[in-house]
Each structure stands twice: as structure tokens, then as C-alpha cells.
Protein backbone atom coordinates (compact mmCIF):
# COMPACT_ATOMS: atom_id res chain seq x y z
CA UNK A 1 115.69 105.82 91.69
CA UNK A 2 112.91 106.46 94.18
CA UNK A 3 109.24 105.82 93.42
CA UNK A 4 107.41 109.12 93.91
CA UNK A 5 103.87 108.16 92.94
CA UNK A 6 101.10 109.05 95.35
CA UNK A 7 100.40 105.38 96.12
CA UNK A 8 104.09 104.56 96.71
CA UNK A 9 104.66 107.54 99.01
CA UNK A 10 101.50 106.93 101.04
CA UNK A 11 102.45 103.26 101.52
CA UNK A 12 105.99 104.24 102.52
CA UNK A 13 104.81 106.82 105.07
CA UNK A 14 102.15 104.50 106.48
CA UNK A 15 104.91 102.05 107.37
CA UNK A 16 107.49 104.64 108.43
CA UNK A 17 106.34 108.30 108.77
CA UNK A 18 109.89 109.56 109.39
CA UNK A 19 110.84 108.44 105.86
CA UNK A 20 109.48 111.82 104.73
CA UNK A 21 112.88 113.28 105.68
CA UNK A 22 114.70 110.70 103.53
CA UNK A 23 112.37 111.33 100.59
CA UNK A 24 112.85 115.10 100.71
CA UNK A 25 116.64 114.76 101.17
CA UNK A 26 116.68 112.60 98.02
CA UNK A 27 114.56 115.11 96.07
CA UNK A 28 116.76 118.05 97.14
CA UNK A 29 119.94 116.15 96.25
CA UNK A 30 118.50 115.37 92.83
CA UNK A 31 117.61 119.04 92.31
CA UNK A 32 121.09 120.12 93.43
CA UNK A 33 122.78 117.67 91.08
CA UNK A 34 121.57 119.52 87.98
CA UNK A 35 121.69 123.27 88.41
CA UNK A 36 121.37 123.79 84.64
CA UNK A 37 117.61 123.54 84.94
CA UNK A 38 116.73 126.93 86.38
CA UNK A 39 113.09 126.15 87.01
CA UNK A 40 112.81 127.65 90.50
CA UNK A 41 112.31 131.31 91.27
CA UNK A 42 112.71 130.53 94.96
CA UNK A 43 113.35 127.33 96.84
CA UNK A 44 113.51 127.10 100.62
CA UNK A 45 116.91 126.08 101.94
CA UNK A 46 117.52 122.66 103.49
CA UNK A 47 117.38 123.93 107.09
CA UNK A 48 113.98 125.55 106.52
CA UNK A 49 112.63 122.46 104.80
CA UNK A 50 113.98 120.21 107.59
CA UNK A 51 112.31 122.40 110.25
CA UNK A 52 109.01 122.23 108.37
CA UNK A 53 109.28 118.45 108.10
CA UNK A 54 110.02 118.08 111.82
CA UNK A 55 106.98 120.23 112.63
CA UNK A 56 104.78 118.13 110.35
CA UNK A 57 106.08 114.89 111.87
CA UNK A 58 105.19 116.18 115.35
CA UNK A 59 101.71 117.20 114.20
CA UNK A 60 101.14 113.82 112.58
CA UNK A 61 102.39 111.99 115.69
CA UNK A 62 99.87 113.94 117.79
CA UNK A 63 97.08 112.52 115.63
CA UNK A 64 96.40 115.51 113.40
CA UNK A 65 95.03 114.62 109.97
CA UNK A 66 97.47 115.79 107.29
CA UNK A 67 96.15 114.52 103.93
CA UNK A 68 99.05 115.97 101.92
CA UNK A 69 101.74 114.85 104.37
CA UNK A 70 105.04 114.20 102.61
CA UNK A 71 103.79 114.77 99.08
CA UNK A 72 106.25 116.94 97.15
CA UNK A 73 104.75 119.73 95.09
CA UNK A 74 105.60 123.12 93.63
CA UNK A 75 103.53 126.27 93.31
CA UNK A 76 103.63 128.26 90.13
CA UNK A 77 104.76 131.85 90.66
CA UNK A 78 101.52 133.36 89.37
CA UNK A 79 99.34 131.69 92.00
């Protein structure tokens, strides 16, 4: 099981920013493993998520401040 607390993720990314891809692969695999929980109206596919992550990694590497970098979240459909 992976530790997904804010403190654990920030420490992990501070040491290895590219781990964001591993974290999101793990989260998506966990979501895929139990399709009985239909909690998502829409979820981006893996290729879209991977492209977003690669873009964020490049922005971070260029020195851009990304305070929510690598933190998984969901938006409620009424927002």
C-alpha cells in the first residue's frame, strides 16, 4: 500500500519528482481493480493523464512553482 498523505507525497517528490508517474499509475491501477464502485462520472484515460504529468514534470524542471504538483484530487460534478 502506498502512503498518499500530503506530507508523504511532498517528501517523495522532493527526492524524486518523476515518482509522480509511479504514484498516478498506482492510483489508476487501484481504481481499475474495483469497477464496482461507480463513483466517477468521467475520468481521463491513462494516455491523457500521462501527457498531463509529462507536461507538469517539464514545467517543474524549468523552475515553475507548482504547489499542487502530484497531489491526487477529484472535482465534484456540481462545481
